[in-house]
Full PDB file with SEQRES, HELIX, SHEET, SSBOND, CRYST1, ORIGX, SCALE, CONECT and MASTER records, all heavy atoms in Angstrom:
SEQRES   1 A   38  MET GLY ALA ILE ALA GLU ALA ARG PRO THR ALA VAL PHE          
SEQRES   2 A   38  VAL THR HIS VAL ALA GLU GLU ALA LEU GLN VAL ALA ASP          
SEQRES   3 A   38  ARG LEU ALA VAL LEU LYS ALA GLY ARG LEU LEU GLN              
HELIX    1 AA1 GLY A    2  ALA A    7  1                                   6    
HELIX    2 AA2 ALA A   18  VAL A   24  1                                   7    
SHEET    1 AA1 2 LEU A  31  LYS A  32  0                                        
SHEET    2 AA1 2 ARG A  35  LEU A  36 -1                                        
CRYST1    1.000    1.000    1.000  90.00  90.00  90.00 P 1           1          
ORIGX1      1.000000  0.000000  0.000000        0.00000                         
ORIGX2      0.000000  1.000000  0.000000        0.00000                         
ORIGX3      0.000000  0.000000  1.000000        0.00000                         
SCALE1      1.000000  0.000000  0.000000        0.00000                         
SCALE2      0.000000  1.000000  0.000000        0.00000                         
SCALE3      0.000000  0.000000  1.000000        0.00000                         
ATOM      1  N   MET A   1      19.244 121.999  23.329  1.00  0.00           N  
ATOM      2  CA  MET A   1      18.844 122.002  21.928  1.00  0.00           C  
ATOM      3  C   MET A   1      20.030 121.735  21.014  1.00  0.00           C  
ATOM      4  O   MET A   1      19.879 121.131  19.948  1.00  0.00           O  
ATOM      5  CB  MET A   1      18.160 123.322  21.578  1.00  0.00           C  
ATOM      6  CG  MET A   1      16.899 123.598  22.401  1.00  0.00           C  
ATOM      7  SD  MET A   1      15.821 122.146  22.639  1.00  0.00           S  
ATOM      8  CE  MET A   1      15.314 121.798  20.948  1.00  0.00           C  
ATOM      9  N   GLY A   2      21.238 122.169  21.436  1.00  0.00           N  
ATOM     10  CA  GLY A   2      22.424 121.845  20.652  1.00  0.00           C  
ATOM     11  C   GLY A   2      22.697 120.355  20.644  1.00  0.00           C  
ATOM     12  O   GLY A   2      23.032 119.767  19.609  1.00  0.00           O  
ATOM     13  N   ALA A   3      22.554 119.714  21.809  1.00  0.00           N  
ATOM     14  CA  ALA A   3      22.790 118.272  21.905  1.00  0.00           C  
ATOM     15  C   ALA A   3      21.737 117.493  21.114  1.00  0.00           C  
ATOM     16  O   ALA A   3      22.056 116.511  20.438  1.00  0.00           O  
ATOM     17  CB  ALA A   3      22.787 117.836  23.367  1.00  0.00           C  
ATOM     18  N   ILE A   4      20.479 117.925  21.192  1.00  0.00           N  
ATOM     19  CA  ILE A   4      19.415 117.254  20.438  1.00  0.00           C  
ATOM     20  C   ILE A   4      19.642 117.421  18.934  1.00  0.00           C  
ATOM     21  O   ILE A   4      19.436 116.493  18.148  1.00  0.00           O  
ATOM     22  CB  ILE A   4      18.040 117.788  20.863  1.00  0.00           C  
ATOM     23  CG1 ILE A   4      17.706 117.290  22.282  1.00  0.00           C  
ATOM     24  CG2 ILE A   4      16.957 117.375  19.882  1.00  0.00           C  
ATOM     25  CD1 ILE A   4      16.432 117.855  22.849  1.00  0.00           C  
ATOM     26  N   ALA A   5      20.105 118.610  18.527  1.00  0.00           N  
ATOM     27  CA  ALA A   5      20.383 118.837  17.105  1.00  0.00           C  
ATOM     28  C   ALA A   5      21.491 117.913  16.614  1.00  0.00           C  
ATOM     29  O   ALA A   5      21.475 117.473  15.454  1.00  0.00           O  
ATOM     30  CB  ALA A   5      20.762 120.292  16.879  1.00  0.00           C  
ATOM     31  N   GLU A   6      22.474 117.608  17.481  1.00  0.00           N  
ATOM     32  CA  GLU A   6      23.548 116.698  17.081  1.00  0.00           C  
ATOM     33  C   GLU A   6      23.043 115.271  16.962  1.00  0.00           C  
ATOM     34  O   GLU A   6      23.352 114.563  16.003  1.00  0.00           O  
ATOM     35  CB  GLU A   6      24.694 116.761  18.089  1.00  0.00           C  
ATOM     36  CG  GLU A   6      25.823 115.792  17.754  1.00  0.00           C  
ATOM     37  CD  GLU A   6      27.038 115.967  18.640  1.00  0.00           C  
ATOM     38  OE1 GLU A   6      27.255 117.082  19.141  1.00  0.00           O  
ATOM     39  OE2 GLU A   6      27.771 114.982  18.835  1.00  0.00           O  
ATOM     40  N   ALA A   7      22.266 114.813  17.940  1.00  0.00           N  
ATOM     41  CA  ALA A   7      21.781 113.424  17.922  1.00  0.00           C  
ATOM     42  C   ALA A   7      20.622 113.229  16.955  1.00  0.00           C  
ATOM     43  O   ALA A   7      20.443 112.149  16.398  1.00  0.00           O  
ATOM     44  CB  ALA A   7      21.357 113.007  19.326  1.00  0.00           C  
ATOM     45  N   ARG A   8      19.787 114.258  16.796  1.00  0.00           N  
ATOM     46  CA  ARG A   8      18.664 114.295  15.866  1.00  0.00           C  
ATOM     47  C   ARG A   8      17.621 113.205  16.077  1.00  0.00           C  
ATOM     48  O   ARG A   8      17.131 112.599  15.120  1.00  0.00           O  
ATOM     49  CB  ARG A   8      19.152 114.297  14.419  1.00  0.00           C  
ATOM     50  CG  ARG A   8      20.083 115.460  14.105  1.00  0.00           C  
ATOM     51  CD  ARG A   8      20.375 115.584  12.644  1.00  0.00           C  
ATOM     52  NE  ARG A   8      19.228 116.139  11.935  1.00  0.00           N  
ATOM     53  CZ  ARG A   8      19.216 116.351  10.606  1.00  0.00           C  
ATOM     54  NH1 ARG A   8      20.245 116.018   9.866  1.00  0.00           N  
ATOM     55  NH2 ARG A   8      18.149 116.867  10.030  1.00  0.00           N  
ATOM     56  N   PRO A   9      17.259 112.918  17.326  1.00  0.00           N  
ATOM     57  CA  PRO A   9      16.083 112.068  17.529  1.00  0.00           C  
ATOM     58  C   PRO A   9      14.825 112.915  17.372  1.00  0.00           C  
ATOM     59  O   PRO A   9      14.886 114.147  17.301  1.00  0.00           O  
ATOM     60  CB  PRO A   9      16.242 111.621  18.984  1.00  0.00           C  
ATOM     61  CG  PRO A   9      16.861 112.828  19.629  1.00  0.00           C  
ATOM     62  CD  PRO A   9      17.799 113.420  18.589  1.00  0.00           C  
ATOM     63  N   THR A  10      13.687 112.279  17.333  1.00  0.00           N  
ATOM     64  CA  THR A  10      12.423 112.987  17.506  1.00  0.00           C  
ATOM     65  C   THR A  10      12.324 113.365  18.977  1.00  0.00           C  
ATOM     66  O   THR A  10      12.659 112.577  19.851  1.00  0.00           O  
ATOM     67  CB  THR A  10      11.255 112.092  17.097  1.00  0.00           C  
ATOM     68  OG1 THR A  10      11.458 111.686  15.739  1.00  0.00           O  
ATOM     69  CG2 THR A  10       9.924 112.805  17.231  1.00  0.00           C  
ATOM     70  N   ALA A  11      11.889 114.582  19.272  1.00  0.00           N  
ATOM     71  CA  ALA A  11      11.850 115.051  20.657  1.00  0.00           C  
ATOM     72  C   ALA A  11      10.463 115.556  21.010  1.00  0.00           C  
ATOM     73  O   ALA A  11       9.805 116.213  20.196  1.00  0.00           O  
ATOM     74  CB  ALA A  11      12.880 116.161  20.884  1.00  0.00           C  
ATOM     75  N   VAL A  12      10.030 115.218  22.226  1.00  0.00           N  
ATOM     76  CA  VAL A  12       8.791 115.765  22.785  1.00  0.00           C  
ATOM     77  C   VAL A  12       9.180 116.476  24.075  1.00  0.00           C  
ATOM     78  O   VAL A  12       9.694 115.863  25.007  1.00  0.00           O  
ATOM     79  CB  VAL A  12       7.744 114.678  23.055  1.00  0.00           C  
ATOM     80  CG1 VAL A  12       6.450 115.306  23.572  1.00  0.00           C  
ATOM     81  CG2 VAL A  12       7.466 113.868  21.786  1.00  0.00           C  
ATOM     82  N   PHE A  13       8.947 117.781  24.114  1.00  0.00           N  
ATOM     83  CA  PHE A  13       9.434 118.659  25.174  1.00  0.00           C  
ATOM     84  C   PHE A  13       8.235 119.247  25.914  1.00  0.00           C  
ATOM     85  O   PHE A  13       7.426 119.968  25.328  1.00  0.00           O  
ATOM     86  CB  PHE A  13      10.273 119.773  24.541  1.00  0.00           C  
ATOM     87  CG  PHE A  13      10.990 120.682  25.493  1.00  0.00           C  
ATOM     88  CD1 PHE A  13      12.358 120.592  25.657  1.00  0.00           C  
ATOM     89  CD2 PHE A  13      10.304 121.660  26.210  1.00  0.00           C  
ATOM     90  CE1 PHE A  13      13.042 121.450  26.517  1.00  0.00           C  
ATOM     91  CE2 PHE A  13      10.971 122.511  27.075  1.00  0.00           C  
ATOM     92  CZ  PHE A  13      12.344 122.407  27.230  1.00  0.00           C  
ATOM     93  N   VAL A  14       8.116 118.914  27.189  1.00  0.00           N  
ATOM     94  CA  VAL A  14       7.002 119.396  28.009  1.00  0.00           C  
ATOM     95  C   VAL A  14       7.436 120.614  28.810  1.00  0.00           C  
ATOM     96  O   VAL A  14       8.502 120.621  29.427  1.00  0.00           O  
ATOM     97  CB  VAL A  14       6.516 118.281  28.959  1.00  0.00           C  
ATOM     98  CG1 VAL A  14       5.776 118.857  30.158  1.00  0.00           C  
ATOM     99  CG2 VAL A  14       5.624 117.301  28.224  1.00  0.00           C  
ATOM    100  N   THR A  15       6.600 121.659  28.812  1.00  0.00           N  
ATOM    101  CA  THR A  15       6.892 122.853  29.595  1.00  0.00           C  
ATOM    102  C   THR A  15       5.594 123.600  29.892  1.00  0.00           C  
ATOM    103  O   THR A  15       4.591 123.442  29.194  1.00  0.00           O  
ATOM    104  CB  THR A  15       7.871 123.787  28.856  1.00  0.00           C  
ATOM    105  OG1 THR A  15       8.169 124.933  29.665  1.00  0.00           O  
ATOM    106  CG2 THR A  15       7.296 124.260  27.525  1.00  0.00           C  
ATOM    107  N   HIS A  16       5.624 124.410  30.955  1.00  0.00           N  
ATOM    108  CA  HIS A  16       4.504 125.329  31.194  1.00  0.00           C  
ATOM    109  C   HIS A  16       4.934 126.762  30.910  1.00  0.00           C  
ATOM    110  O   HIS A  16       4.180 127.702  31.173  1.00  0.00           O  
ATOM    111  CB  HIS A  16       4.004 125.200  32.642  1.00  0.00           C  
ATOM    112  CG  HIS A  16       5.006 125.637  33.661  1.00  0.00           C  
ATOM    113  ND1 HIS A  16       5.979 124.811  34.160  1.00  0.00           N  
ATOM    114  CD2 HIS A  16       5.182 126.831  34.277  1.00  0.00           C  
ATOM    115  CE1 HIS A  16       6.718 125.468  35.032  1.00  0.00           C  
ATOM    116  NE2 HIS A  16       6.252 126.698  35.116  1.00  0.00           N  
ATOM    117  N   VAL A  17       6.143 126.947  30.379  1.00  0.00           N  
ATOM    118  CA  VAL A  17       6.704 128.276  30.108  1.00  0.00           C  
ATOM    119  C   VAL A  17       6.591 128.556  28.613  1.00  0.00           C  
ATOM    120  O   VAL A  17       7.231 127.886  27.789  1.00  0.00           O  
ATOM    121  CB  VAL A  17       8.175 128.359  30.558  1.00  0.00           C  
ATOM    122  CG1 VAL A  17       8.748 129.738  30.263  1.00  0.00           C  
ATOM    123  CG2 VAL A  17       8.293 128.035  32.045  1.00  0.00           C  
ATOM    124  N   ALA A  18       5.797 129.555  28.257  1.00  0.00           N  
ATOM    125  CA  ALA A  18       5.537 129.850  26.846  1.00  0.00           C  
ATOM    126  C   ALA A  18       6.819 130.180  26.094  1.00  0.00           C  
ATOM    127  O   ALA A  18       7.015 129.727  24.952  1.00  0.00           O  
ATOM    128  CB  ALA A  18       4.546 131.003  26.728  1.00  0.00           C  
ATOM    129  N   GLU A  19       7.687 130.957  26.695  1.00  0.00           N  
ATOM    130  CA  GLU A  19       8.921 131.355  26.016  1.00  0.00           C  
ATOM    131  C   GLU A  19       9.756 130.134  25.637  1.00  0.00           C  
ATOM    132  O   GLU A  19      10.306 130.060  24.539  1.00  0.00           O  
ATOM    133  CB  GLU A  19       9.728 132.295  26.908  1.00  0.00           C  
ATOM    134  CG  GLU A  19      10.981 132.840  26.249  1.00  0.00           C  
ATOM    135  CD  GLU A  19      11.739 133.806  27.144  1.00  0.00           C  
ATOM    136  OE1 GLU A  19      11.286 134.038  28.287  1.00  0.00           O  
ATOM    137  OE2 GLU A  19      12.779 134.317  26.701  1.00  0.00           O  
ATOM    138  N   GLU A  20       9.851 129.152  26.544  1.00  0.00           N  
ATOM    139  CA  GLU A  20      10.587 127.926  26.241  1.00  0.00           C  
ATOM    140  C   GLU A  20       9.953 127.184  25.076  1.00  0.00           C  
ATOM    141  O   GLU A  20      10.646 126.745  24.152  1.00  0.00           O  
ATOM    142  CB  GLU A  20      10.622 127.013  27.461  1.00  0.00           C  
ATOM    143  CG  GLU A  20      11.644 127.388  28.494  1.00  0.00           C  
ATOM    144  CD  GLU A  20      11.683 126.386  29.646  1.00  0.00           C  
ATOM    145  OE1 GLU A  20      10.942 125.378  29.615  1.00  0.00           O  
ATOM    146  OE2 GLU A  20      12.467 126.630  30.571  1.00  0.00           O  
ATOM    147  N   ALA A  21       8.639 127.032  25.140  1.00  0.00           N  
ATOM    148  CA  ALA A  21       7.943 126.292  24.091  1.00  0.00           C  
ATOM    149  C   ALA A  21       8.163 126.935  22.725  1.00  0.00           C  
ATOM    150  O   ALA A  21       8.429 126.248  21.728  1.00  0.00           O  
ATOM    151  CB  ALA A  21       6.456 126.209  24.405  1.00  0.00           C  
ATOM    152  N   LEU A  22       8.067 128.249  22.660  1.00  0.00           N  
ATOM    153  CA  LEU A  22       8.230 128.948  21.396  1.00  0.00           C  
ATOM    154  C   LEU A  22       9.658 128.829  20.869  1.00  0.00           C  
ATOM    155  O   LEU A  22       9.882 128.774  19.654  1.00  0.00           O  
ATOM    156  CB  LEU A  22       7.849 130.425  21.556  1.00  0.00           C  
ATOM    157  CG  LEU A  22       6.360 130.696  21.792  1.00  0.00           C  
ATOM    158  CD1 LEU A  22       6.143 132.125  22.265  1.00  0.00           C  
ATOM    159  CD2 LEU A  22       5.552 130.422  20.517  1.00  0.00           C  
ATOM    160  N   GLN A  23      10.631 128.786  21.780  1.00  0.00           N  
ATOM    161  CA  GLN A  23      12.027 128.704  21.365  1.00  0.00           C  
ATOM    162  C   GLN A  23      12.413 127.325  20.850  1.00  0.00           C  
ATOM    163  O   GLN A  23      13.188 127.203  19.904  1.00  0.00           O  
ATOM    164  CB  GLN A  23      12.949 129.084  22.525  1.00  0.00           C  
ATOM    165  CG  GLN A  23      12.983 130.572  22.822  1.00  0.00           C  
ATOM    166  CD  GLN A  23      13.922 130.889  23.970  1.00  0.00           C  
ATOM    167  OE1 GLN A  23      14.125 130.082  24.873  1.00  0.00           O  
ATOM    168  NE2 GLN A  23      14.504 132.070  23.941  1.00  0.00           N  
ATOM    169  N   VAL A  24      11.902 126.261  21.472  1.00  0.00           N  
ATOM    170  CA  VAL A  24      12.400 124.922  21.141  1.00  0.00           C  
ATOM    171  C   VAL A  24      11.607 124.241  20.038  1.00  0.00           C  
ATOM    172  O   VAL A  24      12.122 123.336  19.377  1.00  0.00           O  
ATOM    173  CB  VAL A  24      12.411 124.002  22.384  1.00  0.00           C  
ATOM    174  CG1 VAL A  24      13.167 124.643  23.525  1.00  0.00           C  
ATOM    175  CG2 VAL A  24      10.997 123.609  22.827  1.00  0.00           C  
ATOM    176  N   ALA A  25      10.366 124.643  19.815  1.00  0.00           N  
ATOM    177  CA  ALA A  25       9.441 123.808  19.039  1.00  0.00           C  
ATOM    178  C   ALA A  25       9.592 123.986  17.533  1.00  0.00           C  
ATOM    179  O   ALA A  25       9.744 125.098  17.022  1.00  0.00           O  
ATOM    180  CB  ALA A  25       8.008 124.121  19.442  1.00  0.00           C  
ATOM    181  N   ASP A  26       9.522 122.862  16.815  1.00  0.00           N  
ATOM    182  CA  ASP A  26       9.191 122.879  15.393  1.00  0.00           C  
ATOM    183  C   ASP A  26       7.671 122.825  15.240  1.00  0.00           C  
ATOM    184  O   ASP A  26       7.109 123.455  14.346  1.00  0.00           O  
ATOM    185  CB  ASP A  26       9.822 121.678  14.686  1.00  0.00           C  
ATOM    186  CG  ASP A  26      11.337 121.723  14.726  1.00  0.00           C  
ATOM    187  OD1 ASP A  26      11.911 122.694  14.214  1.00  0.00           O  
ATOM    188  OD2 ASP A  26      11.940 120.782  15.278  1.00  0.00           O  
ATOM    189  N   ARG A  27       7.022 122.053  16.135  1.00  0.00           N  
ATOM    190  CA  ARG A  27       5.565 122.013  16.236  1.00  0.00           C  
ATOM    191  C   ARG A  27       5.204 122.285  17.681  1.00  0.00           C  
ATOM    192  O   ARG A  27       5.908 121.857  18.599  1.00  0.00           O  
ATOM    193  CB  ARG A  27       5.008 120.650  15.815  1.00  0.00           C  
ATOM    194  CG  ARG A  27       5.319 120.279  14.389  1.00  0.00           C  
ATOM    195  CD  ARG A  27       4.562 121.123  13.395  1.00  0.00           C  
ATOM    196  NE  ARG A  27       3.109 120.952  13.485  1.00  0.00           N  
ATOM    197  CZ  ARG A  27       2.254 121.682  12.748  1.00  0.00           C  
ATOM    198  NH1 ARG A  27       2.685 122.615  11.929  1.00  0.00           N  
ATOM    199  NH2 ARG A  27       0.959 121.475  12.861  1.00  0.00           N  
ATOM    200  N   LEU A  28       4.114 122.987  17.892  1.00  0.00           N  
ATOM    201  CA  LEU A  28       3.691 123.389  19.228  1.00  0.00           C  
ATOM    202  C   LEU A  28       2.259 122.945  19.459  1.00  0.00           C  
ATOM    203  O   LEU A  28       1.370 123.202  18.631  1.00  0.00           O  
ATOM    204  CB  LEU A  28       3.793 124.916  19.369  1.00  0.00           C  
ATOM    205  CG  LEU A  28       3.263 125.551  20.649  1.00  0.00           C  
ATOM    206  CD1 LEU A  28       4.037 125.048  21.861  1.00  0.00           C  
ATOM    207  CD2 LEU A  28       3.358 127.070  20.560  1.00  0.00           C  
ATOM    208  N   ALA A  29       2.029 122.256  20.582  1.00  0.00           N  
ATOM    209  CA  ALA A  29       0.679 121.826  20.955  1.00  0.00           C  
ATOM    210  C   ALA A  29       0.312 122.491  22.273  1.00  0.00           C  
ATOM    211  O   ALA A  29       1.041 122.360  23.263  1.00  0.00           O  
ATOM    212  CB  ALA A  29       0.609 120.310  21.095  1.00  0.00           C  
ATOM    213  N   VAL A  30      -0.793 123.207  22.284  1.00  0.00           N  
ATOM    214  CA  VAL A  30      -1.278 123.872  23.493  1.00  0.00           C  
ATOM    215  C   VAL A  30      -2.394 123.013  24.084  1.00  0.00           C  
ATOM    216  O   VAL A  30      -3.367 122.680  23.393  1.00  0.00           O  
ATOM    217  CB  VAL A  30      -1.794 125.292  23.188  1.00  0.00           C  
ATOM    218  CG1 VAL A  30      -2.257 125.976  24.470  1.00  0.00           C  
ATOM    219  CG2 VAL A  30      -0.694 126.124  22.520  1.00  0.00           C  
ATOM    220  N   LEU A  31      -2.255 122.656  25.363  1.00  0.00           N  
ATOM    221  CA  LEU A  31      -3.173 121.740  26.029  1.00  0.00           C  
ATOM    222  C   LEU A  31      -3.869 122.423  27.192  1.00  0.00           C  
ATOM    223  O   LEU A  31      -3.333 123.345  27.816  1.00  0.00           O  
ATOM    224  CB  LEU A  31      -2.411 120.518  26.558  1.00  0.00           C  
ATOM    225  CG  LEU A  31      -1.507 119.765  25.584  1.00  0.00           C  
ATOM    226  CD1 LEU A  31      -0.743 118.677  26.312  1.00  0.00           C  
ATOM    227  CD2 LEU A  31      -2.321 119.180  24.443  1.00  0.00           C  
ATOM    228  N   LYS A  32      -5.069 121.928  27.502  1.00  0.00           N  
ATOM    229  CA  LYS A  32      -5.800 122.390  28.680  1.00  0.00           C  
ATOM    230  C   LYS A  32      -6.742 121.275  29.117  1.00  0.00           C  
ATOM    231  O   LYS A  32      -7.510 120.757  28.301  1.00  0.00           O  
ATOM    232  CB  LYS A  32      -6.601 123.664  28.379  1.00  0.00           C  
ATOM    233  CG  LYS A  32      -7.334 124.225  29.595  1.00  0.00           C  
ATOM    234  CD  LYS A  32      -8.073 125.520  29.257  1.00  0.00           C  
ATOM    235  CE  LYS A  32      -8.799 126.069  30.485  1.00  0.00           C  
ATOM    236  NZ  LYS A  32      -9.538 127.323  30.165  1.00  0.00           N  
ATOM    237  N   ALA A  33      -6.663 120.911  30.386  1.00  0.00           N  
ATOM    238  CA  ALA A  33      -7.572 119.924  30.981  1.00  0.00           C  
ATOM    239  C   ALA A  33      -7.664 118.642  30.157  1.00  0.00           C  
ATOM    240  O   ALA A  33      -8.748 118.094  29.942  1.00  0.00           O  
ATOM    241  CB  ALA A  33      -8.957 120.532  31.173  1.00  0.00           C  
ATOM    242  N   GLY A  34      -6.512 118.165  29.678  1.00  0.00           N  
ATOM    243  CA  GLY A  34      -6.476 116.905  28.963  1.00  0.00           C  
ATOM    244  C   GLY A  34      -6.886 116.955  27.515  1.00  0.00           C  
ATOM    245  O   GLY A  34      -6.963 115.919  26.854  1.00  0.00           O  
ATOM    246  N   ARG A  35      -7.146 118.146  27.004  1.00  0.00           N  
ATOM    247  CA  ARG A  35      -7.577 118.285  25.611  1.00  0.00           C  
ATOM    248  C   ARG A  35      -6.596 119.156  24.828  1.00  0.00           C  
ATOM    249  O   ARG A  35      -5.973 120.053  25.376  1.00  0.00           O  
ATOM    250  CB  ARG A  35      -8.982 118.897  25.535  1.00  0.00           C  
ATOM    251  CG  ARG A  35     -10.063 117.961  26.067  1.00  0.00           C  
ATOM    252  CD  ARG A  35     -11.445 118.506  25.769  1.00  0.00           C  
ATOM    253  NE  ARG A  35     -12.501 117.588  26.171  1.00  0.00           N  
ATOM    254  CZ  ARG A  35     -12.936 116.582  25.432  1.00  0.00           C  
ATOM    255  NH1 ARG A  35     -12.400 116.363  24.242  1.00  0.00           N  
ATOM    256  NH2 ARG A  35     -13.896 115.795  25.871  1.00  0.00           N  
ATOM    257  N   LEU A  36      -6.493 118.868  23.541  1.00  0.00           N  
ATOM    258  CA  LEU A  36      -5.669 119.666  22.641  1.00  0.00           C  
ATOM    259  C   LEU A  36      -6.461 120.883  22.179  1.00  0.00           C  
ATOM    260  O   LEU A  36      -7.535 120.738  21.591  1.00  0.00           O  
ATOM    261  CB  LEU A  36      -5.260 118.811  21.433  1.00  0.00           C  
ATOM    262  CG  LEU A  36      -4.491 119.534  20.332  1.00  0.00           C  
ATOM    263  CD1 LEU A  36      -3.136 120.016  20.838  1.00  0.00           C  
ATOM    264  CD2 LEU A  36      -4.325 118.623  19.123  1.00  0.00           C  
ATOM    265  N   LEU A  37      -5.923 122.071  22.444  1.00  0.00           N  
ATOM    266  CA  LEU A  37      -6.574 123.298  21.983  1.00  0.00           C  
ATOM    267  C   LEU A  37      -6.138 123.671  20.568  1.00  0.00           C  
ATOM    268  O   LEU A  37      -6.946 124.067  19.745  1.00  0.00           O  
ATOM    269  CB  LEU A  37      -6.261 124.457  22.929  1.00  0.00           C  
ATOM    270  CG  LEU A  37      -6.714 124.298  24.382  1.00  0.00           C  
ATOM    271  CD1 LEU A  37      -6.389 125.562  25.174  1.00  0.00           C  
ATOM    272  CD2 LEU A  37      -8.209 123.999  24.460  1.00  0.00           C  
ATOM    273  N   GLN A  38      -4.818 123.562  20.309  1.00  0.00           N  
ATOM    274  CA  GLN A  38      -4.318 123.903  18.985  1.00  0.00           C  
ATOM    275  C   GLN A  38      -2.951 123.269  18.796  1.00  0.00           C  
ATOM    276  O   GLN A  38      -2.134 123.235  19.722  1.00  0.00           O  
ATOM    277  CB  GLN A  38      -4.210 125.425  18.807  1.00  0.00           C  
ATOM    278  CG  GLN A  38      -3.812 125.855  17.387  1.00  0.00           C  
ATOM    279  CD  GLN A  38      -3.936 127.366  17.176  1.00  0.00           C  
ATOM    280  OE1 GLN A  38      -4.366 128.094  18.065  1.00  0.00           O  
ATOM    281  NE2 GLN A  38      -3.571 127.828  16.000  1.00  0.00           N  
TER     282      GLN A  38                                                      
MASTER        0    0    0    2    2    0    0    6  281    1    0    3          
END                                                                             
């Protein structure tokens, strides 16, 4: 996240770990079976 903050591209970060998602995200998308839940 420090390196991404320096380069400042748009980032899409895939994870199945909730703690990671909550820590890295400016926006968070929760998915299930190919559909967007929220």
